[in-house]
Amino acid sequence: MSTLAKYRSIFRIRFINGLQYRLAALAGLSTQFFWGFMEILLYKAFYQANPEAFPMEFSALVSYIWLQQAFLTLYMSWYFDGDIFEAITSGNVAYELCRPMNLYLFWFTRSMASRVAKAALRCLPVLVIAFLLPEPFHMKLPVNLPIFALFLVTMGMALLLMVSMTMIVYGLTFYTLSPLGLRMIFGSLSEFCSGALIPLPFLPDRIQKFMEFLPFASAQNLPFRIYSGDIAGMEILWGVLLQIFWTGTLIALGALIFQNALKRAVVQGG
């Protein structure tokens, strides 16, 4: 079996396995609808007071929020594979190393498949209902087909970027006694800096410019703002170039961390 075929099989198996959790996805959908409506109603109250004081059009913000809810599981920074952490801390990673494949690519493919499977179960119902809602709560269509195509491309790149960041957390876990601290720091930092809590345009200008340069902004912030029409022209070009740069850099950094960690790893026991 070729190298590519092996990882393709891993992705397919993990994806199919993730599709089995339909009841959990259904429970999550109700939470996402409630949270999305709550956010939109909250912002609507502020917009009614002074709509010109806000950096995003309300329709763009509504689309941004519904996209967040539809693809929550694709980009959630607090999601990690507990089995991977257990393998590292317990020493069972020794069994993983017996597989005839690169451990970094194996876990990368596995993590990506899990996120895609979770998103596949949830995104369609959210998007369908969001499009059918009345004004001003409904999600609008993209401006044109090229923008939609760019949105899809940046969505895929954002997924690679998000997984590459979690892989760095897995790699650093080899140097710690517990992954809890790393998970809390990464989750909190990423949620704020990626625009998951507050869209980045709502931050003060200097802070926004700094945040947009960080890798977190190249995740959900970029594709969602492209779709909603909040950014255009050179802003999109700059955002895409940054996304490509950070994705390549973080994948290379994660692979290097894994390489060094596995050289020094010692598994005790019989």
Protein backbone atom coordinates (compact mmCIF):
# COMPACT_ATOMS: atom_id res chain seq x y z
CA MET A 1 0.00 0.00 0.00
CA SER A 2 1.35 3.45 -0.94
CA THR A 3 2.04 6.08 1.73
CA LEU A 4 -0.81 8.31 0.58
CA ALA A 5 -3.23 5.38 0.51
CA LYS A 6 -2.39 4.53 4.15
CA TYR A 7 -3.26 7.99 5.42
CA ARG A 8 -6.33 8.13 3.19
CA SER A 9 -7.53 4.89 4.80
CA ILE A 10 -6.90 6.30 8.28
CA PHE A 11 -8.93 9.38 7.41
CA ARG A 12 -11.80 7.30 6.04
CA ILE A 13 -11.91 4.94 9.04
CA ARG A 14 -11.78 7.79 11.56
CA PHE A 15 -14.37 9.78 9.62
CA ILE A 16 -16.82 6.86 9.50
CA ASN A 17 -16.26 6.22 13.20
CA GLY A 18 -17.03 9.87 13.98
CA LEU A 19 -20.32 9.71 12.08
CA GLN A 20 -21.67 7.20 14.60
CA TYR A 21 -22.24 9.84 17.29
CA ARG A 22 -25.52 11.18 15.87
CA LEU A 23 -27.29 11.61 19.22
CA ALA A 24 -24.45 13.74 20.57
CA ALA A 25 -24.58 15.85 17.41
CA LEU A 26 -28.34 16.32 17.82
CA ALA A 27 -27.88 17.51 21.39
CA GLY A 28 -25.15 19.86 20.26
CA LEU A 29 -27.37 21.34 17.54
CA SER A 30 -29.91 22.64 20.06
CA THR A 31 -27.11 24.30 22.01
CA GLN A 32 -25.67 25.90 18.88
CA PHE A 33 -29.05 27.28 17.75
CA PHE A 34 -29.68 28.75 21.19
CA TRP A 35 -26.21 30.27 21.41
CA GLY A 36 -26.42 31.70 17.89
CA PHE A 37 -29.78 33.36 18.54
CA MET A 38 -28.58 34.71 21.86
CA GLU A 39 -25.53 36.30 20.25
CA ILE A 40 -27.53 37.81 17.39
CA LEU A 41 -30.17 39.25 19.73
CA LEU A 42 -27.48 40.70 21.97
CA TYR A 43 -25.71 42.43 19.08
CA LYS A 44 -29.05 43.55 17.63
CA ALA A 45 -29.82 45.47 20.81
CA PHE A 46 -26.52 47.37 20.50
CA TYR A 47 -26.96 47.98 16.77
CA GLN A 48 -30.42 49.46 17.31
CA ALA A 49 -28.93 52.04 19.67
CA ASN A 50 -26.30 53.26 17.20
CA PRO A 51 -25.75 51.14 14.06
CA GLU A 52 -23.06 53.47 12.66
CA ALA A 53 -20.81 52.89 15.66
CA PHE A 54 -20.01 49.31 14.67
CA PRO A 55 -17.31 48.15 12.20
CA MET A 56 -19.38 45.36 10.59
CA GLU A 57 -22.74 45.55 8.86
CA PHE A 58 -25.36 43.71 10.89
CA SER A 59 -26.13 41.31 8.01
CA ALA A 60 -22.42 40.43 7.76
CA LEU A 61 -22.26 39.86 11.51
CA VAL A 62 -25.32 37.56 11.36
CA SER A 63 -23.68 35.45 8.62
CA TYR A 64 -20.45 35.37 10.63
CA ILE A 65 -22.26 34.08 13.74
CA TRP A 66 -24.23 31.40 11.87
CA LEU A 67 -21.05 30.19 10.16
CA GLN A 68 -19.42 29.97 13.58
CA GLN A 69 -22.23 27.80 14.85
CA ALA A 70 -22.42 25.64 11.73
CA PHE A 71 -18.69 24.88 11.73
CA LEU A 72 -18.06 25.05 15.47
CA THR A 73 -16.66 21.53 15.65
CA LEU A 74 -14.37 22.17 12.70
CA TYR A 75 -12.48 25.01 14.38
CA MET A 76 -13.09 24.62 18.12
CA SER A 77 -9.75 25.21 19.79
CA TRP A 78 -10.69 23.36 22.98
CA TYR A 79 -11.25 20.04 21.20
CA PHE A 80 -8.48 17.48 21.60
CA ASP A 81 -8.30 13.74 21.13
CA GLY A 82 -8.18 12.28 24.63
CA ASP A 83 -6.78 9.00 23.31
CA ILE A 84 -3.70 10.81 22.00
CA PHE A 85 -3.05 12.47 25.37
CA GLU A 86 -3.54 9.12 27.10
CA ALA A 87 -1.10 7.44 24.73
CA ILE A 88 1.57 10.04 25.51
CA THR A 89 1.14 10.18 29.30
CA SER A 90 0.70 6.42 29.79
CA GLY A 91 3.50 5.34 27.46
CA ASN A 92 1.18 3.57 25.04
CA VAL A 93 2.71 5.74 22.34
CA ALA A 94 5.26 2.91 22.07
CA TYR A 95 2.58 0.81 20.37
CA GLU A 96 1.82 3.67 17.98
CA LEU A 97 5.48 3.84 17.02
CA CYS A 98 5.33 0.20 15.90
CA ARG A 99 3.06 1.22 13.04
CA PRO A 100 4.84 1.57 9.66
CA MET A 101 4.01 5.26 9.34
CA ASN A 102 5.02 8.70 10.53
CA LEU A 103 3.45 9.37 13.95
CA TYR A 104 2.97 13.08 13.28
CA LEU A 105 1.13 12.47 9.99
CA PHE A 106 -0.87 9.63 11.54
CA TRP A 107 -2.18 11.78 14.39
CA PHE A 108 -2.61 14.78 12.09
CA THR A 109 -4.82 12.76 9.73
CA ARG A 110 -6.73 11.26 12.64
CA SER A 111 -7.38 14.67 14.23
CA MET A 112 -8.50 16.20 10.94
CA ALA A 113 -10.92 13.33 10.22
CA SER A 114 -12.51 13.65 13.68
CA ARG A 115 -13.20 17.35 13.18
CA VAL A 116 -14.60 16.87 9.68
CA ALA A 117 -16.90 14.07 10.85
CA LYS A 118 -18.30 16.16 13.71
CA ALA A 119 -18.86 19.12 11.39
CA ALA A 120 -20.53 16.94 8.74
CA LEU A 121 -23.18 15.87 11.26
CA ARG A 122 -24.00 19.40 12.39
CA CYS A 123 -23.33 21.98 9.69
CA LEU A 124 -26.14 21.23 7.22
CA PRO A 125 -29.13 21.61 9.63
CA VAL A 126 -27.70 24.88 10.99
CA LEU A 127 -27.09 26.32 7.52
CA VAL A 128 -30.50 25.30 6.13
CA ILE A 129 -32.42 26.84 9.04
CA ALA A 130 -30.19 29.94 9.05
CA PHE A 131 -31.02 30.57 5.38
CA LEU A 132 -34.76 30.10 6.01
CA LEU A 133 -35.00 32.49 8.96
CA PRO A 134 -36.73 35.86 8.41
CA GLU A 135 -34.98 39.21 8.36
CA PRO A 136 -32.80 40.29 10.07
CA PHE A 137 -31.81 36.89 11.47
CA HIS A 138 -31.24 34.96 8.26
CA MET A 139 -27.88 34.15 6.74
CA LYS A 140 -27.18 35.79 3.39
CA LEU A 141 -25.57 34.27 0.32
CA PRO A 142 -22.00 35.25 -0.67
CA VAL A 143 -21.55 38.17 -3.07
CA ASN A 144 -20.53 36.00 -6.03
CA LEU A 145 -19.16 32.58 -6.99
CA PRO A 146 -15.44 33.57 -6.89
CA ILE A 147 -15.90 34.77 -3.30
CA PHE A 148 -17.66 31.52 -2.42
CA ALA A 149 -14.86 29.49 -4.02
CA LEU A 150 -12.27 31.49 -2.08
CA PHE A 151 -14.29 30.91 1.08
CA LEU A 152 -14.15 27.14 0.53
CA VAL A 153 -10.40 27.19 -0.13
CA THR A 154 -9.66 29.26 2.98
CA MET A 155 -11.97 26.99 5.00
CA GLY A 156 -9.80 24.01 4.03
CA MET A 157 -6.61 25.88 4.83
CA ALA A 158 -8.06 27.01 8.16
CA LEU A 159 -8.75 23.39 9.07
CA LEU A 160 -5.14 22.44 8.34
CA LEU A 161 -3.99 25.41 10.40
CA MET A 162 -6.22 24.51 13.36
CA VAL A 163 -5.06 20.90 13.36
CA SER A 164 -1.41 21.97 13.07
CA MET A 165 -1.83 24.09 16.22
CA THR A 166 -3.33 21.21 18.17
CA MET A 167 -0.49 18.97 16.98
CA ILE A 168 1.98 21.38 18.58
CA VAL A 169 0.09 20.98 21.86
CA TYR A 170 0.33 17.18 21.52
CA GLY A 171 4.04 17.47 20.80
CA LEU A 172 4.71 19.68 23.82
CA THR A 173 2.83 17.19 26.01
CA PHE A 174 5.83 14.87 25.67
CA TYR A 175 7.76 17.37 27.82
CA THR A 176 5.12 17.72 30.58
CA LEU A 177 3.62 15.59 33.33
CA SER A 178 0.06 16.62 32.44
CA PRO A 179 -1.51 18.20 29.33
CA LEU A 180 -4.09 20.14 31.37
CA GLY A 181 -2.10 23.40 31.55
CA LEU A 182 -1.28 23.37 27.83
CA ARG A 183 -4.91 22.73 26.94
CA MET A 184 -6.20 25.57 29.10
CA ILE A 185 -3.63 28.10 27.85
CA PHE A 186 -4.05 27.20 24.18
CA GLY A 187 -7.85 27.03 24.36
CA SER A 188 -8.25 30.40 26.09
CA LEU A 189 -5.70 32.17 23.89
CA SER A 190 -7.05 30.75 20.65
CA GLU A 191 -10.72 31.44 21.47
CA PHE A 192 -10.00 35.13 21.99
CA CYS A 193 -7.40 35.69 19.28
CA SER A 194 -9.30 33.83 16.54
CA GLY A 195 -12.47 35.90 16.87
CA ALA A 196 -14.48 33.03 18.36
CA LEU A 197 -15.60 35.10 21.35
CA ILE A 198 -15.68 38.57 19.77
CA PRO A 199 -15.21 39.20 16.02
CA LEU A 200 -11.82 40.82 15.55
CA PRO A 201 -13.21 43.99 13.84
CA PHE A 202 -14.87 44.90 17.16
CA LEU A 203 -11.49 45.22 18.88
CA PRO A 204 -9.59 48.55 19.00
CA ASP A 205 -7.66 49.22 15.78
CA ARG A 206 -4.15 48.63 17.14
CA ILE A 207 -5.14 45.42 18.90
CA GLN A 208 -7.03 44.24 15.81
CA LYS A 209 -4.04 44.76 13.53
CA PHE A 210 -1.82 42.83 15.94
CA MET A 211 -4.37 40.00 16.27
CA GLU A 212 -4.78 39.72 12.49
CA PHE A 213 -1.07 39.05 12.12
CA LEU A 214 -1.17 36.11 14.56
CA PRO A 215 -1.86 32.58 13.26
CA PHE A 216 -5.15 32.34 15.20
CA ALA A 217 -6.77 34.97 12.96
CA SER A 218 -6.05 32.83 9.90
CA ALA A 219 -8.44 30.17 11.19
CA GLN A 220 -12.19 30.87 11.30
CA ASN A 221 -11.82 34.67 11.23
CA LEU A 222 -10.55 34.79 7.63
CA PRO A 223 -12.98 32.48 5.76
CA PHE A 224 -16.03 33.71 7.69
CA ARG A 225 -15.25 37.37 6.99
CA ILE A 226 -14.59 36.59 3.33
CA TYR A 227 -18.01 34.91 3.05
CA SER A 228 -19.85 37.72 4.83
CA GLY A 229 -18.20 40.38 2.66
CA ASP A 230 -16.56 42.13 5.60
CA ILE A 231 -13.19 42.11 3.85
CA ALA A 232 -12.36 42.49 0.17
CA GLY A 233 -9.55 43.25 -2.29
CA MET A 234 -6.04 43.49 -0.88
CA GLU A 235 -7.26 42.55 2.60
CA ILE A 236 -8.27 39.15 1.28
CA LEU A 237 -4.96 38.71 -0.57
CA TRP A 238 -2.95 39.63 2.53
CA GLY A 239 -5.09 37.31 4.67
CA VAL A 240 -4.64 34.37 2.31
CA LEU A 241 -0.87 34.87 2.13
CA LEU A 242 -0.69 34.98 5.93
CA GLN A 243 -2.81 31.85 6.15
CA ILE A 244 -0.50 29.96 3.79
CA PHE A 245 2.57 31.18 5.67
CA TRP A 246 1.27 30.23 9.12
CA THR A 247 -0.06 26.85 7.98
CA GLY A 248 3.27 25.84 6.46
CA THR A 249 5.24 27.23 9.41
CA LEU A 250 3.16 25.53 12.11
CA ILE A 251 3.12 22.16 10.31
CA ALA A 252 6.92 22.30 10.01
CA LEU A 253 7.27 23.39 13.67
CA GLY A 254 4.97 20.62 14.88
CA ALA A 255 6.84 17.97 12.89
CA LEU A 256 10.14 19.23 14.35
CA ILE A 257 8.78 19.12 17.91
CA PHE A 258 7.60 15.54 17.36
CA GLN A 259 10.93 14.52 15.86
CA ASN A 260 12.91 15.88 18.80
CA ALA A 261 10.45 14.58 21.41
CA LEU A 262 10.48 11.03 20.02
CA LYS A 263 14.28 10.96 20.00
CA ARG A 264 14.32 11.65 23.74
CA ALA A 265 11.20 9.73 24.75
CA VAL A 266 11.74 6.95 27.29
CA VAL A 267 8.92 4.48 27.99
CA GLN A 268 9.30 2.72 31.34
CA GLY A 269 7.64 -0.54 32.24
CA GLY A 270 7.44 -4.07 30.93
